Amino acid sequence: MTTPDEHAPHPPKLGGLVPFSSCDYPGKLACVVFISGCPWRCHYCHNPHLQTRSKTPTEPTWDDIVNWLEGRKGLLDAVVFCGGEPLTERWLPLMMAQVKAMGFEVALHTGGAYPERLKQCLPYLDWVGFDVKAPFAEYEGVTQIRSSGDPARESLRLIRDSGVAYECRTTIHPSLLNDDALLRLAGTLAVYGVQDFVLQPFRPNGCASSQLLQQPAPANYPSPATLQQLSKLVPGTRIRAH
């Protein structure tokens, strides 16, 4: 199998490596590989330095990471690919195949911006954290990109139909998603058969959006009544503290 390396045309553009994580793949000890590049500009993004498709000389190459992983067999359970939007990386399916062949489980954090590449990755995946931004028709209010809900909708369908384990998670802030919008979103997820829906309170770390930073979330957001209704729509609804 051809695999990417630093000498290949357009080698993988990596944004960093977290060597050990117990929270990026539930129940697994993993490392996290960050991919540079994202087509969306979400208001709450806390990795804006990964939005551009670039690589700095200080970041590891894919060869560096593969060599490092050789010494982590038996110590790590999995490799998580994150971003940015990791599906921007043309080499990603081959990178996943390489990691899988080394005996690691493979996980993906994605917003689903590129369904066709996701389709190529699904055979190698053990778990997906799917970042659903809003009701699909309302994505532009979060991503600032028109029609961005269309590929996200298709990606969720692909994940659901694949049989790969997954959770949907949504970063929440009242200026982007009020209680009614959260209920609309949960209703959509229920139609897709989603069982695990994680609400992630907005974090100001790294965020550059004055819209969010100047409007702190009230203590009762989402309201207890809304949380109860969300749980009726998607029984696995929960809030994840960072």
Protein backbone atom coordinates (compact mmCIF):
# COMPACT_ATOMS: atom_id res chain seq x y z
CA MET A 1 0.00 0.00 0.00
CA THR A 2 1.23 3.46 -0.86
CA THR A 3 1.52 5.58 2.26
CA PRO A 4 2.16 9.29 2.65
CA ASP A 5 5.53 10.55 3.77
CA GLU A 6 7.36 13.83 3.95
CA HIS A 7 8.80 13.32 0.45
CA ALA A 8 5.45 12.70 -1.26
CA PRO A 9 3.87 15.45 -3.35
CA HIS A 10 1.66 17.48 -1.00
CA PRO A 11 2.44 15.48 2.16
CA PRO A 12 -0.06 15.50 5.04
CA LYS A 13 -0.44 18.89 6.65
CA LEU A 14 -0.41 18.23 10.37
CA GLY A 15 -1.18 20.69 13.12
CA GLY A 16 0.21 18.86 16.11
CA LEU A 17 0.09 15.77 18.31
CA VAL A 18 -1.30 15.19 21.79
CA PRO A 19 0.53 12.04 22.95
CA PHE A 20 -1.95 10.88 25.60
CA SER A 21 -5.66 11.55 26.01
CA SER A 22 -8.38 9.77 27.97
CA CYS A 23 -11.26 12.02 26.86
CA ASP A 24 -11.13 12.13 23.05
CA TYR A 25 -12.27 8.53 22.52
CA PRO A 26 -14.58 7.37 25.32
CA GLY A 27 -13.13 4.50 27.31
CA LYS A 28 -9.84 4.43 25.40
CA LEU A 29 -6.35 5.79 25.97
CA ALA A 30 -5.45 7.50 22.72
CA CYS A 31 -3.16 9.97 21.06
CA VAL A 32 -4.67 12.78 19.00
CA VAL A 33 -3.32 13.77 15.59
CA PHE A 34 -4.40 17.25 14.49
CA ILE A 35 -4.92 17.99 10.79
CA SER A 36 -4.64 21.56 9.46
CA GLY A 37 -7.43 23.05 7.38
CA CYS A 38 -11.16 23.66 7.69
CA PRO A 39 -13.65 25.09 5.17
CA TRP A 40 -15.90 26.50 7.90
CA ARG A 41 -15.44 29.43 10.29
CA CYS A 42 -17.50 28.48 13.32
CA HIS A 43 -17.98 31.33 15.77
CA TYR A 44 -16.89 29.21 18.73
CA CYS A 45 -13.80 27.66 17.12
CA HIS A 46 -11.02 27.32 19.69
CA ASN A 47 -8.44 26.12 17.15
CA PRO A 48 -8.44 29.03 14.65
CA HIS A 49 -4.76 28.43 13.94
CA LEU A 50 -5.83 25.14 12.31
CA GLN A 51 -8.31 26.73 9.92
CA THR A 52 -5.74 27.35 7.19
CA ARG A 53 -4.29 24.51 5.14
CA SER A 54 -0.68 24.89 6.19
CA LYS A 55 2.09 23.15 8.07
CA THR A 56 4.84 24.77 10.10
CA PRO A 57 8.37 23.34 10.33
CA THR A 58 7.90 22.82 14.08
CA GLU A 59 5.07 20.29 13.66
CA PRO A 60 5.82 16.56 13.32
CA THR A 61 5.67 14.86 9.94
CA TRP A 62 3.50 11.82 9.41
CA ASP A 63 6.66 9.69 9.31
CA ASP A 64 7.62 11.10 12.72
CA ILE A 65 4.25 10.09 14.15
CA VAL A 66 4.31 6.60 12.63
CA ASN A 67 7.79 5.99 14.04
CA TRP A 68 6.64 7.26 17.43
CA LEU A 69 3.58 4.99 17.33
CA GLU A 70 5.82 1.95 16.83
CA GLY A 71 7.02 2.47 20.39
CA ARG A 72 3.50 2.92 21.75
CA LYS A 73 2.11 -0.48 20.78
CA GLY A 74 0.54 -2.03 23.85
CA LEU A 75 0.51 1.36 25.61
CA LEU A 76 -2.08 3.21 23.54
CA ASP A 77 -5.43 1.83 22.46
CA ALA A 78 -6.20 4.19 19.62
CA VAL A 79 -5.31 7.10 17.36
CA VAL A 80 -7.81 9.94 17.07
CA PHE A 81 -7.75 12.21 14.01
CA CYS A 82 -8.95 15.71 14.79
CA GLY A 83 -8.66 19.22 13.36
CA GLY A 84 -9.40 21.74 11.95
CA GLU A 85 -11.50 19.42 9.83
CA PRO A 86 -9.47 16.22 9.35
CA LEU A 87 -11.44 15.26 6.24
CA THR A 88 -9.64 18.07 4.39
CA GLU A 89 -6.59 15.78 4.26
CA ARG A 90 -6.44 13.80 1.02
CA TRP A 91 -4.12 11.24 2.63
CA LEU A 92 -6.44 10.58 5.56
CA PRO A 93 -7.89 7.21 4.42
CA LEU A 94 -4.37 5.86 3.85
CA MET A 95 -3.17 7.27 7.17
CA MET A 96 -6.02 5.49 8.91
CA ALA A 97 -5.30 2.24 7.08
CA GLN A 98 -1.67 2.47 8.15
CA VAL A 99 -2.58 3.04 11.80
CA LYS A 100 -5.11 0.21 11.70
CA ALA A 101 -2.48 -2.16 10.29
CA MET A 102 -0.28 -1.30 13.28
CA GLY A 103 -2.95 -2.66 15.61
CA PHE A 104 -4.47 0.57 16.89
CA GLU A 105 -8.15 1.46 16.90
CA VAL A 106 -9.02 4.52 14.83
CA ALA A 107 -11.34 7.38 15.76
CA LEU A 108 -12.37 10.55 13.97
CA HIS A 109 -13.63 13.93 15.16
CA THR A 110 -15.41 15.59 12.24
CA GLY A 111 -18.10 18.05 11.26
CA GLY A 112 -18.69 16.07 8.07
CA ALA A 113 -17.71 18.77 5.59
CA TYR A 114 -16.52 16.22 3.00
CA PRO A 115 -18.88 13.22 2.77
CA GLU A 116 -17.00 11.52 -0.08
CA ARG A 117 -13.76 11.38 1.89
CA LEU A 118 -15.69 10.26 4.96
CA LYS A 119 -17.02 7.38 2.89
CA GLN A 120 -13.42 6.35 2.13
CA CYS A 121 -12.50 6.51 5.82
CA LEU A 122 -15.44 4.60 7.30
CA PRO A 123 -14.00 1.09 6.67
CA TYR A 124 -11.11 1.90 9.02
CA LEU A 125 -13.06 3.62 11.77
CA ASP A 126 -14.01 2.25 15.18
CA TRP A 127 -15.65 5.39 16.53
CA VAL A 128 -16.73 8.85 15.32
CA GLY A 129 -17.36 12.01 17.30
CA PHE A 130 -19.68 13.91 14.95
CA ASP A 131 -19.86 17.66 15.56
CA VAL A 132 -23.37 18.69 14.63
CA LYS A 133 -23.54 22.48 14.61
CA ALA A 134 -27.26 23.30 14.44
CA PRO A 135 -30.42 22.15 12.66
CA PHE A 136 -29.07 21.49 9.17
CA ALA A 137 -30.99 24.34 7.54
CA GLU A 138 -29.50 26.75 10.10
CA TYR A 139 -25.80 25.86 9.80
CA GLU A 140 -24.76 29.17 8.28
CA GLY A 141 -25.52 30.93 11.57
CA VAL A 142 -22.73 28.91 13.19
CA THR A 143 -20.28 28.09 10.37
CA GLN A 144 -20.67 31.39 8.46
CA ILE A 145 -20.70 29.31 5.25
CA ARG A 146 -23.80 28.98 3.09
CA SER A 147 -25.30 25.50 2.59
CA SER A 148 -22.78 23.95 4.99
CA GLY A 149 -25.60 21.89 6.50
CA ASP A 150 -25.96 19.88 3.29
CA PRO A 151 -22.68 17.91 3.51
CA ALA A 152 -23.13 17.57 7.27
CA ARG A 153 -26.55 15.98 6.75
CA GLU A 154 -25.12 13.51 4.22
CA SER A 155 -22.19 12.68 6.52
CA LEU A 156 -24.49 11.88 9.42
CA ARG A 157 -26.48 9.58 7.16
CA LEU A 158 -23.29 7.80 6.08
CA ILE A 159 -22.13 7.35 9.68
CA ARG A 160 -25.52 6.08 10.80
CA ASP A 161 -25.76 3.59 7.94
CA SER A 162 -22.18 2.35 8.38
CA GLY A 163 -22.76 0.71 11.75
CA VAL A 164 -19.67 2.43 13.20
CA ALA A 165 -20.12 3.53 16.82
CA TYR A 166 -20.60 7.30 17.13
CA GLU A 167 -21.90 10.16 19.19
CA CYS A 168 -23.27 13.50 18.09
CA ARG A 169 -22.08 16.51 20.05
CA THR A 170 -22.96 20.17 19.84
CA THR A 171 -21.16 23.18 21.23
CA ILE A 172 -23.86 25.34 22.79
CA HIS A 173 -24.10 29.11 23.32
CA PRO A 174 -27.42 30.99 23.60
CA SER A 175 -26.51 33.56 20.94
CA LEU A 176 -26.14 30.72 18.40
CA LEU A 177 -28.63 28.14 19.66
CA ASN A 178 -31.47 29.14 21.95
CA ASP A 179 -33.59 26.51 23.69
CA ASP A 180 -36.00 26.27 20.76
CA ALA A 181 -33.13 25.68 18.33
CA LEU A 182 -31.76 22.94 20.57
CA LEU A 183 -35.15 21.24 20.52
CA ARG A 184 -35.34 21.51 16.73
CA LEU A 185 -31.87 19.98 16.50
CA ALA A 186 -32.74 17.12 18.85
CA GLY A 187 -35.87 16.47 16.81
CA THR A 188 -33.76 16.15 13.67
CA LEU A 189 -31.29 13.82 15.39
CA ALA A 190 -34.16 11.67 16.64
CA VAL A 191 -35.35 11.22 13.06
CA TYR A 192 -31.85 9.97 12.17
CA GLY A 193 -31.95 7.50 15.04
CA VAL A 194 -29.21 9.17 17.08
CA GLN A 195 -28.87 7.67 20.55
CA ASP A 196 -25.98 9.68 22.04
CA PHE A 197 -26.26 13.48 22.03
CA VAL A 198 -23.65 15.43 23.99
CA LEU A 199 -24.04 19.14 24.76
CA GLN A 200 -20.69 20.87 25.17
CA PRO A 201 -20.83 24.31 26.84
CA PHE A 202 -18.93 27.00 24.94
CA ARG A 203 -15.30 27.48 25.98
CA PRO A 204 -13.71 30.91 25.51
CA ASN A 205 -10.19 29.44 25.18
CA GLY A 206 -8.79 30.45 21.80
CA CYS A 207 -12.12 31.85 20.58
CA ALA A 208 -11.94 35.14 18.69
CA SER A 209 -15.68 35.81 18.35
CA SER A 210 -16.69 39.00 20.13
CA GLN A 211 -20.32 37.93 19.64
CA LEU A 212 -19.79 35.00 22.01
CA LEU A 213 -17.19 36.47 24.34
CA GLN A 214 -19.34 39.49 25.15
CA GLN A 215 -22.44 37.46 25.95
CA PRO A 216 -21.85 34.90 28.71
CA ALA A 217 -24.32 32.04 28.89
CA PRO A 218 -26.85 32.36 31.73
CA ALA A 219 -26.66 29.83 34.53
CA ASN A 220 -29.96 28.21 33.53
CA TYR A 221 -28.99 27.58 29.88
CA PRO A 222 -30.31 25.23 28.70
CA SER A 223 -33.22 25.34 31.09
CA PRO A 224 -34.09 22.21 33.11
CA ALA A 225 -37.37 21.98 31.18
CA THR A 226 -35.49 22.04 27.87
CA LEU A 227 -33.06 19.37 29.05
CA GLN A 228 -35.98 17.18 30.00
CA GLN A 229 -37.55 17.64 26.57
CA LEU A 230 -34.22 16.97 24.85
CA SER A 231 -33.89 13.70 26.76
CA LYS A 232 -37.34 12.65 25.62
CA LEU A 233 -36.33 13.22 21.99
CA VAL A 234 -32.84 11.68 22.29
CA PRO A 235 -32.64 9.52 25.44
CA GLY A 236 -28.82 9.64 25.53
CA THR A 237 -28.71 13.45 25.84
CA ARG A 238 -26.20 14.71 28.40
CA ILE A 239 -23.97 17.66 29.17
CA ARG A 240 -20.24 17.05 29.06
CA ALA A 241 -18.17 19.21 31.38
CA HIS A 242 -14.75 20.05 29.95
